[in-house]
Amino acid sequence: MPLKWSVPVVRKISAGTFILPILLFAIEILFVRDGHWFHFYGLLSTVFIPPFGIVLSIRSYGITDSAKDLLLIACNVLALCSYFIYTFLGYLMLGP
């Protein structure tokens, strides 16, 4: 029996799965150095949390066909790729 969550609740969870990894990744980049207990948690959060948001957004989009859900899908995909975008831009600016 599938869960019967309402669409606004699923959208809030999906938005949270976009905001939380970006926030943790930014905290790790700006404040955490090697050897700290929080080291790599921001990176891991960008890989493991956004797929849940993508799945929830796709489920919500299947119910409503709303542009908000497409935006949440795109935002969660962006959060999933944020580390790779960060390293690619750093490589372009600073070189190998």
C-alpha atoms as a PDB file:
ATOM      1  CA  MET A   1       0.000   0.000   0.000  1.00  0.00           C
ATOM      2  CA  PRO A   2       1.629   3.280  -1.090  1.00  0.00           C
ATOM      3  CA  LEU A   3       1.920   6.267   1.178  1.00  0.00           C
ATOM      4  CA  LYS A   4      -0.854   8.812   0.748  1.00  0.00           C
ATOM      5  CA  TRP A   5       0.990  12.060   1.378  1.00  0.00           C
ATOM      6  CA  SER A   6      -0.505  15.282   0.155  1.00  0.00           C
ATOM      7  CA  VAL A   7       1.268  17.163  -2.607  1.00  0.00           C
ATOM      8  CA  PRO A   8       2.185  20.246  -0.481  1.00  0.00           C
ATOM      9  CA  VAL A   9       3.902  18.012   2.084  1.00  0.00           C
ATOM     10  CA  VAL A  10       5.844  16.210  -0.647  1.00  0.00           C
ATOM     11  CA  ARG A  11       6.852  19.572  -2.151  1.00  0.00           C
ATOM     12  CA  LYS A  12       8.113  20.823   1.223  1.00  0.00           C
ATOM     13  CA  ILE A  13      10.177  17.678   1.730  1.00  0.00           C
ATOM     14  CA  SER A  14      11.529  17.967  -1.805  1.00  0.00           C
ATOM     15  CA  ALA A  15      12.462  21.614  -1.252  1.00  0.00           C
ATOM     16  CA  GLY A  16      14.194  20.595   1.976  1.00  0.00           C
ATOM     17  CA  THR A  17      16.173  17.935   0.146  1.00  0.00           C
ATOM     18  CA  PHE A  18      17.396  20.691  -2.162  1.00  0.00           C
ATOM     19  CA  ILE A  19      18.231  23.265   0.521  1.00  0.00           C
ATOM     20  CA  LEU A  20      19.869  20.963   3.097  1.00  0.00           C
ATOM     21  CA  PRO A  21      22.695  19.557   0.909  1.00  0.00           C
ATOM     22  CA  ILE A  22      23.517  22.986  -0.527  1.00  0.00           C
ATOM     23  CA  LEU A  23      23.648  24.437   2.996  1.00  0.00           C
ATOM     24  CA  LEU A  24      25.811  21.592   4.338  1.00  0.00           C
ATOM     25  CA  PHE A  25      28.110  21.785   1.316  1.00  0.00           C
ATOM     26  CA  ALA A  26      28.513  25.550   1.715  1.00  0.00           C
ATOM     27  CA  ILE A  27      29.284  25.145   5.430  1.00  0.00           C
ATOM     28  CA  GLU A  28      31.883  22.516   4.619  1.00  0.00           C
ATOM     29  CA  ILE A  29      33.544  24.646   1.955  1.00  0.00           C
ATOM     30  CA  LEU A  30      33.601  27.849   4.013  1.00  0.00           C
ATOM     31  CA  PHE A  31      34.240  26.694   7.580  1.00  0.00           C
ATOM     32  CA  VAL A  32      35.498  23.110   7.795  1.00  0.00           C
ATOM     33  CA  ARG A  33      39.131  22.119   7.388  1.00  0.00           C
ATOM     34  CA  ASP A  34      40.876  18.733   7.279  1.00  0.00           C
ATOM     35  CA  GLY A  35      40.555  16.580  10.356  1.00  0.00           C
ATOM     36  CA  HIS A  36      37.294  18.084  11.573  1.00  0.00           C
ATOM     37  CA  TRP A  37      34.487  15.626  12.398  1.00  0.00           C
ATOM     38  CA  PHE A  38      32.205  17.354   9.863  1.00  0.00           C
ATOM     39  CA  HIS A  39      34.722  16.900   7.022  1.00  0.00           C
ATOM     40  CA  PHE A  40      33.095  15.165   3.974  1.00  0.00           C
ATOM     41  CA  TYR A  41      29.539  15.319   5.392  1.00  0.00           C
ATOM     42  CA  GLY A  42      28.657  18.186   3.052  1.00  0.00           C
ATOM     43  CA  LEU A  43      30.040  16.264   0.110  1.00  0.00           C
ATOM     44  CA  LEU A  44      28.201  13.097   1.085  1.00  0.00           C
ATOM     45  CA  SER A  45      24.959  15.006   1.572  1.00  0.00           C
ATOM     46  CA  THR A  46      25.091  16.249  -2.028  1.00  0.00           C
ATOM     47  CA  VAL A  47      25.229  12.655  -3.239  1.00  0.00           C
ATOM     48  CA  PHE A  48      22.742  10.892  -0.962  1.00  0.00           C
ATOM     49  CA  ILE A  49      19.976  13.409  -0.135  1.00  0.00           C
ATOM     50  CA  PRO A  50      18.920  14.905  -3.534  1.00  0.00           C
ATOM     51  CA  PRO A  51      17.824  11.593  -5.126  1.00  0.00           C
ATOM     52  CA  PHE A  52      15.041  11.392  -2.549  1.00  0.00           C
ATOM     53  CA  GLY A  53      13.913  14.876  -3.554  1.00  0.00           C
ATOM     54  CA  ILE A  54      14.029  13.921  -7.221  1.00  0.00           C
ATOM     55  CA  VAL A  55      11.853  10.868  -6.608  1.00  0.00           C
ATOM     56  CA  LEU A  56       9.365  12.839  -4.515  1.00  0.00           C
ATOM     57  CA  SER A  57       9.208  15.637  -7.099  1.00  0.00           C
ATOM     58  CA  ILE A  58       8.614  13.173  -9.913  1.00  0.00           C
ATOM     59  CA  ARG A  59       5.836  11.575  -7.888  1.00  0.00           C
ATOM     60  CA  SER A  60       4.272  14.973  -7.228  1.00  0.00           C
ATOM     61  CA  TYR A  61       4.652  15.956 -10.886  1.00  0.00           C
ATOM     62  CA  GLY A  62       2.832  12.799 -11.909  1.00  0.00           C
ATOM     63  CA  ILE A  63      -0.132  13.880  -9.804  1.00  0.00           C
ATOM     64  CA  THR A  64      -0.313  17.598 -10.629  1.00  0.00           C
ATOM     65  CA  ASP A  65       1.675  18.274 -13.843  1.00  0.00           C
ATOM     66  CA  SER A  66       2.786  21.533 -12.231  1.00  0.00           C
ATOM     67  CA  ALA A  67       5.776  23.663 -13.202  1.00  0.00           C
ATOM     68  CA  LYS A  68       6.690  23.902  -9.496  1.00  0.00           C
ATOM     69  CA  ASP A  69       7.448  20.210  -9.489  1.00  0.00           C
ATOM     70  CA  LEU A  70       9.597  20.517 -12.611  1.00  0.00           C
ATOM     71  CA  LEU A  71      11.509  23.306 -10.878  1.00  0.00           C
ATOM     72  CA  LEU A  72      12.028  21.097  -7.818  1.00  0.00           C
ATOM     73  CA  ILE A  73      13.275  18.270 -10.040  1.00  0.00           C
ATOM     74  CA  ALA A  74      15.749  20.637 -11.710  1.00  0.00           C
ATOM     75  CA  CYS A  75      16.882  22.083  -8.359  1.00  0.00           C
ATOM     76  CA  ASN A  76      17.486  18.638  -6.881  1.00  0.00           C
ATOM     77  CA  VAL A  77      19.437  17.575  -9.972  1.00  0.00           C
ATOM     78  CA  LEU A  78      21.493  20.748  -9.568  1.00  0.00           C
ATOM     79  CA  ALA A  79      22.104  19.891  -5.899  1.00  0.00           C
ATOM     80  CA  LEU A  80      23.135  16.382  -6.944  1.00  0.00           C
ATOM     81  CA  CYS A  81      25.680  17.820  -9.392  1.00  0.00           C
ATOM     82  CA  SER A  82      26.841  20.705  -7.166  1.00  0.00           C
ATOM     83  CA  TYR A  83      30.121  19.100  -6.113  1.00  0.00           C
ATOM     84  CA  PHE A  84      31.039  18.297  -9.706  1.00  0.00           C
ATOM     85  CA  ILE A  85      30.142  21.821 -10.817  1.00  0.00           C
ATOM     86  CA  TYR A  86      32.264  23.223  -7.972  1.00  0.00           C
ATOM     87  CA  THR A  87      35.288  21.126  -8.871  1.00  0.00           C
ATOM     88  CA  PHE A  88      34.910  21.822 -12.602  1.00  0.00           C
ATOM     89  CA  LEU A  89      34.762  25.591 -12.071  1.00  0.00           C
ATOM     90  CA  GLY A  90      37.714  25.405  -9.685  1.00  0.00           C
ATOM     91  CA  TYR A  91      39.678  23.505 -12.304  1.00  0.00           C
ATOM     92  CA  LEU A  92      38.822  26.112 -14.933  1.00  0.00           C
ATOM     93  CA  MET A  93      39.822  29.029 -12.705  1.00  0.00           C
ATOM     94  CA  LEU A  94      42.875  27.608 -10.971  1.00  0.00           C
ATOM     95  CA  GLY A  95      44.135  25.057 -13.486  1.00  0.00           C
ATOM     96  CA  PRO A  96      45.301  21.494 -12.831  1.00  0.00           C
END
